[in-house]
Amino acid sequence: MDTYVPQAERPIALQECADLAIDAWRAVSRACADPQTPERVATAIMRISERMQDLGFMTKDLTGVPYAPDMRARIVEQVGIGPPFRVIECLAPAVYFRGKLVRPAEIVVKGEAKDDQADR
């Protein structure tokens, strides 16, 4: 017996899939970290994230990483003076498809320099 697979009305854009990967990352990091999230919900969220990985999408959270000017990330907010800077919050992770960056991370960085170092 042949199985009918309907054609998609339009191809799925890579950026739309990147959005889904980010949404899955947010759901995992928020809902699954909450002990009040029902186990069935947490399991479903993890499956979505795993399926995105199976399709070739990976996310990378840059929280805690030292910031470098050549980093392919968009600074949304800068706190304090620096350099050096450190990523203190990742608003959206970097998204990779089959090892290639398709969406840079959106980050908040904090300067770690003392006031006297910033004047140099």
PDB file of N, CA and C in Angstrom:
ATOM      1  N   MET A   1       0.839  -1.174   0.000  1.00  0.00           N
ATOM      2  CA  MET A   1       0.000   0.000   0.000  1.00  0.00           C
ATOM      3  C   MET A   1       0.886   1.240   0.000  1.00  0.00           C
ATOM      4  N   ASP A   2       0.645   2.124  -0.935  1.00  0.00           N
ATOM      5  CA  ASP A   2       1.396   3.380  -1.016  1.00  0.00           C
ATOM      6  C   ASP A   2       0.851   4.384  -0.014  1.00  0.00           C
ATOM      7  N   THR A   3       1.764   5.169   0.518  1.00  0.00           N
ATOM      8  CA  THR A   3       1.370   6.214   1.450  1.00  0.00           C
ATOM      9  C   THR A   3       1.418   7.539   0.721  1.00  0.00           C
ATOM     10  N   TYR A   4       0.347   8.301   0.850  1.00  0.00           N
ATOM     11  CA  TYR A   4       0.281   9.612   0.223  1.00  0.00           C
ATOM     12  C   TYR A   4       0.912  10.642   1.149  1.00  0.00           C
ATOM     13  N   VAL A   5       1.874  11.376   0.639  1.00  0.00           N
ATOM     14  CA  VAL A   5       2.504  12.464   1.379  1.00  0.00           C
ATOM     15  C   VAL A   5       2.215  13.750   0.621  1.00  0.00           C
ATOM     16  N   PRO A   6       1.370  14.616   1.188  1.00  0.00           N
ATOM     17  CA  PRO A   6       1.036  15.853   0.467  1.00  0.00           C
ATOM     18  C   PRO A   6       2.237  16.765   0.339  1.00  0.00           C
ATOM     19  N   GLN A   7       2.287  17.487  -0.744  1.00  0.00           N
ATOM     20  CA  GLN A   7       3.353  18.468  -0.948  1.00  0.00           C
ATOM     21  C   GLN A   7       3.082  19.684  -0.076  1.00  0.00           C
ATOM     22  N   ALA A   8       4.136  20.251   0.459  1.00  0.00           N
ATOM     23  CA  ALA A   8       3.981  21.474   1.252  1.00  0.00           C
ATOM     24  C   ALA A   8       3.553  22.601   0.333  1.00  0.00           C
ATOM     25  N   GLU A   9       2.715  23.485   0.857  1.00  0.00           N
ATOM     26  CA  GLU A   9       2.267  24.614   0.056  1.00  0.00           C
ATOM     27  C   GLU A   9       3.415  25.548  -0.282  1.00  0.00           C
ATOM     28  N   ARG A  10       4.386  25.607   0.595  1.00  0.00           N
ATOM     29  CA  ARG A  10       5.573  26.411   0.343  1.00  0.00           C
ATOM     30  C   ARG A  10       6.722  25.789   1.115  1.00  0.00           C
ATOM     31  N   PRO A  11       7.939  25.971   0.647  1.00  0.00           N
ATOM     32  CA  PRO A  11       9.078  25.425   1.388  1.00  0.00           C
ATOM     33  C   PRO A  11       9.209  26.114   2.745  1.00  0.00           C
ATOM     34  N   ILE A  12       9.697  25.388   3.713  1.00  0.00           N
ATOM     35  CA  ILE A  12       9.918  25.956   5.036  1.00  0.00           C
ATOM     36  C   ILE A  12      11.257  26.686   5.009  1.00  0.00           C
ATOM     37  N   ALA A  13      11.227  27.934   5.398  1.00  0.00           N
ATOM     38  CA  ALA A  13      12.439  28.755   5.383  1.00  0.00           C
ATOM     39  C   ALA A  13      13.341  28.393   6.555  1.00  0.00           C
ATOM     40  N   LEU A  14      14.632  28.478   6.320  1.00  0.00           N
ATOM     41  CA  LEU A  14      15.629  28.179   7.336  1.00  0.00           C
ATOM     42  C   LEU A  14      15.451  29.078   8.558  1.00  0.00           C
ATOM     43  N   GLN A  15      15.124  30.335   8.334  1.00  0.00           N
ATOM     44  CA  GLN A  15      14.955  31.268   9.450  1.00  0.00           C
ATOM     45  C   GLN A  15      13.732  30.914  10.297  1.00  0.00           C
ATOM     46  N   GLU A  16      12.684  30.384   9.682  1.00  0.00           N
ATOM     47  CA  GLU A  16      11.522  29.931  10.452  1.00  0.00           C
ATOM     48  C   GLU A  16      11.900  28.756  11.341  1.00  0.00           C
ATOM     49  N   CYS A  17      12.719  27.872  10.835  1.00  0.00           N
ATOM     50  CA  CYS A  17      13.199  26.739  11.639  1.00  0.00           C
ATOM     51  C   CYS A  17      14.116  27.224  12.755  1.00  0.00           C
ATOM     52  N   ALA A  18      14.910  28.244  12.477  1.00  0.00           N
ATOM     53  CA  ALA A  18      15.762  28.827  13.521  1.00  0.00           C
ATOM     54  C   ALA A  18      14.884  29.401  14.632  1.00  0.00           C
ATOM     55  N   ASP A  19      13.778  30.041  14.267  1.00  0.00           N
ATOM     56  CA  ASP A  19      12.830  30.545  15.264  1.00  0.00           C
ATOM     57  C   ASP A  19      12.299  29.400  16.130  1.00  0.00           C
ATOM     58  N   LEU A  20      11.958  28.283  15.491  1.00  0.00           N
ATOM     59  CA  LEU A  20      11.468  27.119  16.237  1.00  0.00           C
ATOM     60  C   LEU A  20      12.538  26.573  17.186  1.00  0.00           C
ATOM     61  N   ALA A  21      13.784  26.543  16.731  1.00  0.00           N
ATOM     62  CA  ALA A  21      14.882  26.064  17.577  1.00  0.00           C
ATOM     63  C   ALA A  21      15.049  26.971  18.798  1.00  0.00           C
ATOM     64  N   ILE A  22      14.919  28.282  18.602  1.00  0.00           N
ATOM     65  CA  ILE A  22      15.015  29.228  19.720  1.00  0.00           C
ATOM     66  C   ILE A  22      13.845  29.032  20.677  1.00  0.00           C
ATOM     67  N   ASP A  23      12.640  28.871  20.123  1.00  0.00           N
ATOM     68  CA  ASP A  23      11.471  28.636  20.980  1.00  0.00           C
ATOM     69  C   ASP A  23      11.633  27.354  21.791  1.00  0.00           C
ATOM     70  N   ALA A  24      12.161  26.310  21.176  1.00  0.00           N
ATOM     71  CA  ALA A  24      12.397  25.055  21.892  1.00  0.00           C
ATOM     72  C   ALA A  24      13.423  25.258  22.994  1.00  0.00           C
ATOM     73  N   TRP A  25      14.502  26.003  22.712  1.00  0.00           N
ATOM     74  CA  TRP A  25      15.529  26.305  23.724  1.00  0.00           C
ATOM     75  C   TRP A  25      14.912  27.049  24.897  1.00  0.00           C
ATOM     76  N   ARG A  26      14.081  28.060  24.602  1.00  0.00           N
ATOM     77  CA  ARG A  26      13.433  28.822  25.678  1.00  0.00           C
ATOM     78  C   ARG A  26      12.516  27.933  26.504  1.00  0.00           C
ATOM     79  N   ALA A  27      11.761  27.083  25.839  1.00  0.00           N
ATOM     80  CA  ALA A  27      10.848  26.193  26.557  1.00  0.00           C
ATOM     81  C   ALA A  27      11.612  25.232  27.455  1.00  0.00           C
ATOM     82  N   VAL A  28      12.689  24.667  26.938  1.00  0.00           N
ATOM     83  CA  VAL A  28      13.490  23.738  27.744  1.00  0.00           C
ATOM     84  C   VAL A  28      14.102  24.466  28.933  1.00  0.00           C
ATOM     85  N   SER A  29      14.694  25.631  28.682  1.00  0.00           N
ATOM     86  CA  SER A  29      15.406  26.330  29.764  1.00  0.00           C
ATOM     87  C   SER A  29      14.456  26.907  30.807  1.00  0.00           C
ATOM     88  N   ARG A  30      13.231  27.203  30.430  1.00  0.00           N
ATOM     89  CA  ARG A  30      12.294  27.788  31.401  1.00  0.00           C
ATOM     90  C   ARG A  30      11.375  26.737  32.012  1.00  0.00           C
ATOM     91  N   ALA A  31      10.625  26.062  31.163  1.00  0.00           N
ATOM     92  CA  ALA A  31       9.621  25.119  31.669  1.00  0.00           C
ATOM     93  C   ALA A  31      10.258  23.904  32.331  1.00  0.00           C
ATOM     94  N   CYS A  32      11.284  23.375  31.730  1.00  0.00           N
ATOM     95  CA  CYS A  32      11.896  22.161  32.279  1.00  0.00           C
ATOM     96  C   CYS A  32      12.693  22.450  33.546  1.00  0.00           C
ATOM     97  N   ALA A  33      13.113  23.690  33.733  1.00  0.00           N
ATOM     98  CA  ALA A  33      13.858  24.055  34.934  1.00  0.00           C
ATOM     99  C   ALA A  33      12.915  24.288  36.118  1.00  0.00           C
ATOM    100  N   ASP A  34      11.644  24.483  35.839  1.00  0.00           N
ATOM    101  CA  ASP A  34      10.655  24.732  36.888  1.00  0.00           C
ATOM    102  C   ASP A  34      10.153  23.405  37.447  1.00  0.00           C
ATOM    103  N   PRO A  35      10.381  23.146  38.729  1.00  0.00           N
ATOM    104  CA  PRO A  35       9.957  21.862  39.294  1.00  0.00           C
ATOM    105  C   PRO A  35       8.439  21.671  39.286  1.00  0.00           C
ATOM    106  N   GLN A  36       7.698  22.741  39.068  1.00  0.00           N
ATOM    107  CA  GLN A  36       6.238  22.625  39.037  1.00  0.00           C
ATOM    108  C   GLN A  36       5.704  22.261  37.647  1.00  0.00           C
ATOM    109  N   THR A  37       6.591  22.218  36.654  1.00  0.00           N
ATOM    110  CA  THR A  37       6.164  21.815  35.313  1.00  0.00           C
ATOM    111  C   THR A  37       5.798  20.335  35.348  1.00  0.00           C
ATOM    112  N   PRO A  38       4.595  19.989  34.883  1.00  0.00           N
ATOM    113  CA  PRO A  38       4.218  18.571  34.868  1.00  0.00           C
ATOM    114  C   PRO A  38       5.202  17.752  34.024  1.00  0.00           C
ATOM    115  N   GLU A  39       5.472  16.540  34.463  1.00  0.00           N
ATOM    116  CA  GLU A  39       6.446  15.682  33.788  1.00  0.00           C
ATOM    117  C   GLU A  39       6.094  15.453  32.322  1.00  0.00           C
ATOM    118  N   ARG A  40       4.819  15.270  32.021  1.00  0.00           N
ATOM    119  CA  ARG A  40       4.402  15.042  30.627  1.00  0.00           C
ATOM    120  C   ARG A  40       4.712  16.250  29.746  1.00  0.00           C
ATOM    121  N   VAL A  41       4.544  17.443  30.298  1.00  0.00           N
ATOM    122  CA  VAL A  41       4.847  18.670  29.551  1.00  0.00           C
ATOM    123  C   VAL A  41       6.352  18.770  29.323  1.00  0.00           C
ATOM    124  N   ALA A  42       7.135  18.541  30.368  1.00  0.00           N
ATOM    125  CA  ALA A  42       8.595  18.600  30.251  1.00  0.00           C
ATOM    126  C   ALA A  42       9.095  17.583  29.228  1.00  0.00           C
ATOM    127  N   THR A  43       8.527  16.390  29.234  1.00  0.00           N
ATOM    128  CA  THR A  43       8.920  15.349  28.277  1.00  0.00           C
ATOM    129  C   THR A  43       8.596  15.775  26.851  1.00  0.00           C
ATOM    130  N   ALA A  44       7.423  16.345  26.643  1.00  0.00           N
ATOM    131  CA  ALA A  44       7.034  16.807  25.302  1.00  0.00           C
ATOM    132  C   ALA A  44       7.967  17.912  24.809  1.00  0.00           C
ATOM    133  N   ILE A  45       8.323  18.816  25.703  1.00  0.00           N
ATOM    134  CA  ILE A  45       9.232  19.904  25.334  1.00  0.00           C
ATOM    135  C   ILE A  45      10.601  19.347  24.960  1.00  0.00           C
ATOM    136  N   MET A  46      11.090  18.407  25.726  1.00  0.00           N
ATOM    137  CA  MET A  46      12.384  17.784  25.422  1.00  0.00           C
ATOM    138  C   MET A  46      12.345  17.073  24.067  1.00  0.00           C
ATOM    139  N   ARG A  47      11.240  16.435  23.748  1.00  0.00           N
ATOM    140  CA  ARG A  47      11.114  15.749  22.447  1.00  0.00           C
ATOM    141  C   ARG A  47      11.182  16.743  21.289  1.00  0.00           C
ATOM    142  N   ILE A  48      10.541  17.883  21.461  1.00  0.00           N
ATOM    143  CA  ILE A  48      10.595  18.909  20.411  1.00  0.00           C
ATOM    144  C   ILE A  48      12.047  19.338  20.195  1.00  0.00           C
ATOM    145  N   SER A  49      12.751  19.591  21.278  1.00  0.00           N
ATOM    146  CA  SER A  49      14.153  19.999  21.187  1.00  0.00           C
ATOM    147  C   SER A  49      14.992  18.908  20.524  1.00  0.00           C
ATOM    148  N   GLU A  50      14.767  17.660  20.912  1.00  0.00           N
ATOM    149  CA  GLU A  50      15.517  16.544  20.321  1.00  0.00           C
ATOM    150  C   GLU A  50      15.215  16.397  18.834  1.00  0.00           C
ATOM    151  N   ARG A  51      13.984  16.616  18.438  1.00  0.00           N
ATOM    152  CA  ARG A  51      13.627  16.509  17.012  1.00  0.00           C
ATOM    153  C   ARG A  51      14.286  17.612  16.198  1.00  0.00           C
ATOM    154  N   MET A  52      14.385  18.806  16.773  1.00  0.00           N
ATOM    155  CA  MET A  52      15.090  19.892  16.083  1.00  0.00           C
ATOM    156  C   MET A  52      16.553  19.495  15.883  1.00  0.00           C
ATOM    157  N   GLN A  53      17.153  18.862  16.882  1.00  0.00           N
ATOM    158  CA  GLN A  53      18.538  18.400  16.749  1.00  0.00           C
ATOM    159  C   GLN A  53      18.639  17.308  15.687  1.00  0.00           C
ATOM    160  N   ASP A  54      17.670  16.402  15.660  1.00  0.00           N
ATOM    161  CA  ASP A  54      17.663  15.345  14.646  1.00  0.00           C
ATOM    162  C   ASP A  54      17.599  15.919  13.231  1.00  0.00           C
ATOM    163  N   LEU A  55      16.943  17.073  13.093  1.00  0.00           N
ATOM    164  CA  LEU A  55      16.844  17.729  11.787  1.00  0.00           C
ATOM    165  C   LEU A  55      18.101  18.518  11.427  1.00  0.00           C
ATOM    166  N   GLY A  56      19.031  18.622  12.375  1.00  0.00           N
ATOM    167  CA  GLY A  56      20.294  19.311  12.098  1.00  0.00           C
ATOM    168  C   GLY A  56      20.446  20.657  12.765  1.00  0.00           C
ATOM    169  N   PHE A  57      19.498  21.040  13.615  1.00  0.00           N
ATOM    170  CA  PHE A  57      19.562  22.339  14.285  1.00  0.00           C
ATOM    171  C   PHE A  57      20.135  22.173  15.683  1.00  0.00           C
ATOM    172  N   MET A  58      21.108  23.009  16.006  1.00  0.00           N
ATOM    173  CA  MET A  58      21.723  23.021  17.332  1.00  0.00           C
ATOM    174  C   MET A  58      21.683  24.456  17.849  1.00  0.00           C
ATOM    175  N   THR A  59      21.520  24.598  19.158  1.00  0.00           N
ATOM    176  CA  THR A  59      21.555  25.923  19.770  1.00  0.00           C
ATOM    177  C   THR A  59      22.731  25.982  20.737  1.00  0.00           C
ATOM    178  N   LYS A  60      23.272  27.188  20.905  1.00  0.00           N
ATOM    179  CA  LYS A  60      24.396  27.379  21.814  1.00  0.00           C
ATOM    180  C   LYS A  60      24.131  28.602  22.685  1.00  0.00           C
ATOM    181  N   ASP A  61      24.036  28.366  23.979  1.00  0.00           N
ATOM    182  CA  ASP A  61      23.841  29.416  24.974  1.00  0.00           C
ATOM    183  C   ASP A  61      25.224  29.963  25.337  1.00  0.00           C
ATOM    184  N   LEU A  62      25.413  31.263  25.227  1.00  0.00           N
ATOM    185  CA  LEU A  62      26.726  31.866  25.477  1.00  0.00           C
ATOM    186  C   LEU A  62      26.878  32.437  26.877  1.00  0.00           C
ATOM    187  N   THR A  63      25.918  32.215  27.753  1.00  0.00           N
ATOM    188  CA  THR A  63      25.976  32.747  29.114  1.00  0.00           C
ATOM    189  C   THR A  63      27.261  32.296  29.809  1.00  0.00           C
ATOM    190  N   GLY A  64      27.956  33.281  30.393  1.00  0.00           N
ATOM    191  CA  GLY A  64      29.178  32.993  31.144  1.00  0.00           C
ATOM    192  C   GLY A  64      30.452  33.006  30.321  1.00  0.00           C
ATOM    193  N   VAL A  65      30.331  33.117  29.025  1.00  0.00           N
ATOM    194  CA  VAL A  65      31.488  33.084  28.128  1.00  0.00           C
ATOM    195  C   VAL A  65      32.116  34.481  28.052  1.00  0.00           C
ATOM    196  N   PRO A  66      33.444  34.589  28.066  1.00  0.00           N
ATOM    197  CA  PRO A  66      34.064  35.899  27.841  1.00  0.00           C
ATOM    198  C   PRO A  66      33.704  36.414  26.444  1.00  0.00           C
ATOM    199  N   TYR A  67      33.351  37.691  26.377  1.00  0.00           N
ATOM    200  CA  TYR A  67      32.984  38.262  25.081  1.00  0.00           C
ATOM    201  C   TYR A  67      34.240  38.644  24.313  1.00  0.00           C
ATOM    202  N   ALA A  68      34.246  38.331  23.027  1.00  0.00           N
ATOM    203  CA  ALA A  68      35.334  38.725  22.127  1.00  0.00           C
ATOM    204  C   ALA A  68      34.711  39.481  20.953  1.00  0.00           C
ATOM    205  N   PRO A  69      35.375  40.542  20.456  1.00  0.00           N
ATOM    206  CA  PRO A  69      34.818  41.327  19.357  1.00  0.00           C
ATOM    207  C   PRO A  69      34.504  40.516  18.093  1.00  0.00           C
ATOM    208  N   ASP A  70      35.219  39.412  17.882  1.00  0.00           N
ATOM    209  CA  ASP A  70      34.967  38.624  16.674  1.00  0.00           C
ATOM    210  C   ASP A  70      33.857  37.584  16.865  1.00  0.00           C
ATOM    211  N   MET A  71      33.232  37.583  18.050  1.00  0.00           N
ATOM    212  CA  MET A  71      32.122  36.676  18.313  1.00  0.00           C
ATOM    213  C   MET A  71      30.964  37.021  17.394  1.00  0.00           C
ATOM    214  N   ARG A  72      30.330  36.024  16.871  1.00  0.00           N
ATOM    215  CA  ARG A  72      29.188  36.285  15.990  1.00  0.00           C
ATOM    216  C   ARG A  72      27.918  36.282  16.835  1.00  0.00           C
ATOM    217  N   ALA A  73      27.772  37.387  17.575  1.00  0.00           N
ATOM    218  CA  ALA A  73      26.630  37.570  18.456  1.00  0.00           C
ATOM    219  C   ALA A  73      26.237  39.042  18.425  1.00  0.00           C
ATOM    220  N   ARG A  74      24.976  39.293  18.675  1.00  0.00           N
ATOM    221  CA  ARG A  74      24.474  40.665  18.685  1.00  0.00           C
ATOM    222  C   ARG A  74      24.310  41.103  20.140  1.00  0.00           C
ATOM    223  N   ILE A  75      25.022  42.167  20.518  1.00  0.00           N
ATOM    224  CA  ILE A  75      24.900  42.708  21.865  1.00  0.00           C
ATOM    225  C   ILE A  75      23.618  43.530  21.924  1.00  0.00           C
ATOM    226  N   VAL A  76      22.709  43.113  22.787  1.00  0.00           N
ATOM    227  CA  VAL A  76      21.445  43.816  22.963  1.00  0.00           C
ATOM    228  C   VAL A  76      21.581  44.874  24.053  1.00  0.00           C
ATOM    229  N   GLU A  77      22.409  44.555  25.050  1.00  0.00           N
ATOM    230  CA  GLU A  77      22.628  45.498  26.148  1.00  0.00           C
ATOM    231  C   GLU A  77      24.033  45.319  26.694  1.00  0.00           C
ATOM    232  N   GLN A  78      24.622  46.452  27.092  1.00  0.00           N
ATOM    233  CA  GLN A  78      25.951  46.440  27.717  1.00  0.00           C
ATOM    234  C   GLN A  78      25.831  47.082  29.085  1.00  0.00           C
ATOM    235  N   VAL A  79      26.321  46.376  30.097  1.00  0.00           N
ATOM    236  CA  VAL A  79      26.270  46.851  31.475  1.00  0.00           C
ATOM    237  C   VAL A  79      27.704  47.007  31.961  1.00  0.00           C
ATOM    238  N   GLY A  80      27.988  48.114  32.644  1.00  0.00           N
ATOM    239  CA  GLY A  80      29.323  48.306  33.202  1.00  0.00           C
ATOM    240  C   GLY A  80      30.324  48.752  32.154  1.00  0.00           C
ATOM    241  N   ILE A  81      31.561  48.854  32.630  1.00  0.00           N
ATOM    242  CA  ILE A  81      32.638  49.313  31.752  1.00  0.00           C
ATOM    243  C   ILE A  81      33.617  48.178  31.504  1.00  0.00           C
ATOM    244  N   GLY A  82      34.259  48.251  30.399  1.00  0.00           N
ATOM    245  CA  GLY A  82      35.205  47.200  30.037  1.00  0.00           C
ATOM    246  C   GLY A  82      36.057  47.693  28.903  1.00  0.00           C
ATOM    247  N   PRO A  83      36.849  46.924  28.294  1.00  0.00           N
ATOM    248  CA  PRO A  83      36.964  45.475  28.447  1.00  0.00           C
ATOM    249  C   PRO A  83      37.689  45.096  29.727  1.00  0.00           C
ATOM    250  N   PRO A  84      37.679  43.862  30.126  1.00  0.00           N
ATOM    251  CA  PRO A  84      37.039  42.735  29.449  1.00  0.00           C
ATOM    252  C   PRO A  84      35.527  42.701  29.705  1.00  0.00           C
ATOM    253  N   PHE A  85      34.824  42.021  28.812  1.00  0.00           N
ATOM    254  CA  PHE A  85      33.388  41.821  28.938  1.00  0.00           C
ATOM    255  C   PHE A  85      33.099  40.334  29.064  1.00  0.00           C
ATOM    256  N   ARG A  86      31.997  40.028  29.723  1.00  0.00           N
ATOM    257  CA  ARG A  86      31.540  38.646  29.867  1.00  0.00           C
ATOM    258  C   ARG A  86      30.049  38.632  29.546  1.00  0.00           C
ATOM    259  N   VAL A  87      29.593  37.571  28.895  1.00  0.00           N
ATOM    260  CA  VAL A  87      28.171  37.420  28.595  1.00  0.00           C
ATOM    261  C   VAL A  87      27.475  37.046  29.902  1.00  0.00           C
ATOM    262  N   ILE A  88      26.551  37.918  30.351  1.00  0.00           N
ATOM    263  CA  ILE A  88      25.846  37.639  31.608  1.00  0.00           C
ATOM    264  C   ILE A  88      24.446  37.087  31.371  1.00  0.00           C
ATOM    265  N   GLU A  89      23.941  37.249  30.151  1.00  0.00           N
ATOM    266  CA  GLU A  89      22.623  36.702  29.840  1.00  0.00           C
ATOM    267  C   GLU A  89      22.532  36.446  28.345  1.00  0.00           C
ATOM    268  N   CYS A  90      21.949  35.340  28.015  1.00  0.00           N
ATOM    269  CA  CYS A  90      21.711  34.998  26.610  1.00  0.00           C
ATOM    270  C   CYS A  90      20.204  35.099  26.382  1.00  0.00           C
ATOM    271  N   LEU A  91      19.786  36.124  25.630  1.00  0.00           N
ATOM    272  CA  LEU A  91      18.367  36.321  25.364  1.00  0.00           C
ATOM    273  C   LEU A  91      17.862  35.346  24.307  1.00  0.00           C
ATOM    274  N   ALA A  92      18.728  35.015  23.377  1.00  0.00           N
ATOM    275  CA  ALA A  92      18.434  34.008  22.352  1.00  0.00           C
ATOM    276  C   ALA A  92      19.758  33.329  22.006  1.00  0.00           C
ATOM    277  N   PRO A  93      19.756  32.013  21.892  1.00  0.00           N
ATOM    278  CA  PRO A  93      21.001  31.308  21.613  1.00  0.00           C
ATOM    279  C   PRO A  93      21.415  31.456  20.151  1.00  0.00           C
ATOM    280  N   ALA A  94      22.672  31.161  19.884  1.00  0.00           N
ATOM    281  CA  ALA A  94      23.117  31.047  18.495  1.00  0.00           C
ATOM    282  C   ALA A  94      22.471  29.777  17.937  1.00  0.00           C
ATOM    283  N   VAL A  95      22.051  29.827  16.684  1.00  0.00           N
ATOM    284  CA  VAL A  95      21.431  28.656  16.057  1.00  0.00           C
ATOM    285  C   VAL A  95      22.301  28.214  14.887  1.00  0.00           C
ATOM    286  N   TYR A  96      22.619  26.931  14.885  1.00  0.00           N
ATOM    287  CA  TYR A  96      23.419  26.327  13.827  1.00  0.00           C
ATOM    288  C   TYR A  96      22.579  25.297  13.092  1.00  0.00           C
ATOM    289  N   PHE A  97      22.744  25.245  11.783  1.00  0.00           N
ATOM    290  CA  PHE A  97      22.110  24.200  10.974  1.00  0.00           C
ATOM    291  C   PHE A  97      23.227  23.439  10.272  1.00  0.00           C
ATOM    292  N   ARG A  98      23.301  22.162  10.599  1.00  0.00           N
ATOM    293  CA  ARG A  98      24.349  21.293  10.060  1.00  0.00           C
ATOM    294  C   ARG A  98      25.731  21.917  10.223  1.00  0.00           C
ATOM    295  N   GLY A  99      25.954  22.506  11.399  1.00  0.00           N
ATOM    296  CA  GLY A  99      27.263  23.053  11.746  1.00  0.00           C
ATOM    297  C   GLY A  99      27.527  24.472  11.287  1.00  0.00           C
ATOM    298  N   LYS A 100      26.605  25.075  10.539  1.00  0.00           N
ATOM    299  CA  LYS A 100      26.798  26.448  10.062  1.00  0.00           C
ATOM    300  C   LYS A 100      25.862  27.385  10.809  1.00  0.00           C
ATOM    301  N   LEU A 101      26.407  28.522  11.227  1.00  0.00           N
ATOM    302  CA  LEU A 101      25.618  29.516  11.944  1.00  0.00           C
ATOM    303  C   LEU A 101      24.543  30.100  11.033  1.00  0.00           C
ATOM    304  N   VAL A 102      23.293  30.036  11.478  1.00  0.00           N
ATOM    305  CA  VAL A 102      22.203  30.640  10.709  1.00  0.00           C
ATOM    306  C   VAL A 102      21.563  31.806  11.449  1.00  0.00           C
ATOM    307  N   ARG A 103      21.799  31.894  12.759  1.00  0.00           N
ATOM    308  CA  ARG A 103      21.278  33.012  13.540  1.00  0.00           C
ATOM    309  C   ARG A 103      22.235  33.281  14.696  1.00  0.00           C
ATOM    310  N   PRO A 104      22.811  34.489  14.757  1.00  0.00           N
ATOM    311  CA  PRO A 104      23.707  34.790  15.874  1.00  0.00           C
ATOM    312  C   PRO A 104      22.929  34.915  17.183  1.00  0.00           C
ATOM    313  N   ALA A 105      23.621  34.694  18.278  1.00  0.00           N
ATOM    314  CA  ALA A 105      23.009  34.835  19.597  1.00  0.00           C
ATOM    315  C   ALA A 105      22.714  36.303  19.874  1.00  0.00           C
ATOM    316  N   GLU A 106      21.743  36.530  20.738  1.00  0.00           N
ATOM    317  CA  GLU A 106      21.442  37.867  21.241  1.00  0.00           C
ATOM    318  C   GLU A 106      21.827  37.859  22.708  1.00  0.00           C
ATOM    319  N   ILE A 107      22.750  38.758  23.081  1.00  0.00           N
ATOM    320  CA  ILE A 107      23.360  38.669  24.409  1.00  0.00           C
ATOM    321  C   ILE A 107      23.370  39.999  25.159  1.00  0.00           C
ATOM    322  N   VAL A 108      23.539  39.887  26.474  1.00  0.00           N
ATOM    323  CA  VAL A 108      23.794  41.022  27.350  1.00  0.00           C
ATOM    324  C   VAL A 108      25.195  40.814  27.898  1.00  0.00           C
ATOM    325  N   VAL A 109      26.045  41.833  27.779  1.00  0.00           N
ATOM    326  CA  VAL A 109      27.417  41.721  28.278  1.00  0.00           C
ATOM    327  C   VAL A 109      27.631  42.695  29.427  1.00  0.00           C
ATOM    328  N   LYS A 110      28.561  42.303  30.304  1.00  0.00           N
ATOM    329  CA  LYS A 110      28.908  43.144  31.437  1.00  0.00           C
ATOM    330  C   LYS A 110      30.401  43.382  31.415  1.00  0.00           C
ATOM    331  N   GLY A 111      30.779  44.661  31.550  1.00  0.00           N
ATOM    332  CA  GLY A 111      32.192  45.003  31.656  1.00  0.00           C
ATOM    333  C   GLY A 111      32.718  44.606  33.010  1.00  0.00           C
ATOM    334  N   GLU A 112      33.906  44.046  33.021  1.00  0.00           N
ATOM    335  CA  GLU A 112      34.496  43.578  34.277  1.00  0.00           C
ATOM    336  C   GLU A 112      35.693  44.415  34.695  1.00  0.00           C
ATOM    337  N   ALA A 113      35.939  45.516  33.987  1.00  0.00           N
ATOM    338  CA  ALA A 113      37.088  46.360  34.324  1.00  0.00           C
ATOM    339  C   ALA A 113      36.771  47.213  35.538  1.00  0.00           C
ATOM    340  N   LYS A 114      37.791  47.529  36.308  1.00  0.00           N
ATOM    341  CA  LYS A 114      37.663  48.484  37.405  1.00  0.00           C
ATOM    342  C   LYS A 114      37.646  49.880  36.788  1.00  0.00           C
ATOM    343  N   ASP A 115      37.115  50.852  37.495  1.00  0.00           N
ATOM    344  CA  ASP A 115      37.018  52.216  36.960  1.00  0.00           C
ATOM    345  C   ASP A 115      38.361  52.755  36.479  1.00  0.00           C
ATOM    346  N   ASP A 116      39.456  52.447  37.190  1.00  0.00           N
ATOM    347  CA  ASP A 116      40.769  52.969  36.805  1.00  0.00           C
ATOM    348  C   ASP A 116      41.314  52.256  35.560  1.00  0.00           C
ATOM    349  N   GLN A 117      40.890  51.008  35.285  1.00  0.00           N
ATOM    350  CA  GLN A 117      41.345  50.282  34.092  1.00  0.00           C
ATOM    351  C   GLN A 117      40.660  50.798  32.840  1.00  0.00           C
ATOM    352  N   ALA A 118      39.445  51.281  32.954  1.00  0.00           N
ATOM    353  CA  ALA A 118      38.674  51.723  31.806  1.00  0.00           C
ATOM    354  C   ALA A 118      39.245  52.983  31.175  1.00  0.00           C
ATOM    355  N   ASP A 119      39.991  53.766  31.970  1.00  0.00           N
ATOM    356  CA  ASP A 119      40.560  55.012  31.444  1.00  0.00           C
ATOM    357  C   ASP A 119      41.791  54.796  30.594  1.00  0.00           C
ATOM    358  N   ARG A 120      42.345  53.622  30.624  1.00  0.00           N
ATOM    359  CA  ARG A 120      43.598  53.361  29.886  1.00  0.00           C
ATOM    360  C   ARG A 120      43.365  53.180  28.426  1.00  0.00           C
TER     361      ARG A 120
END
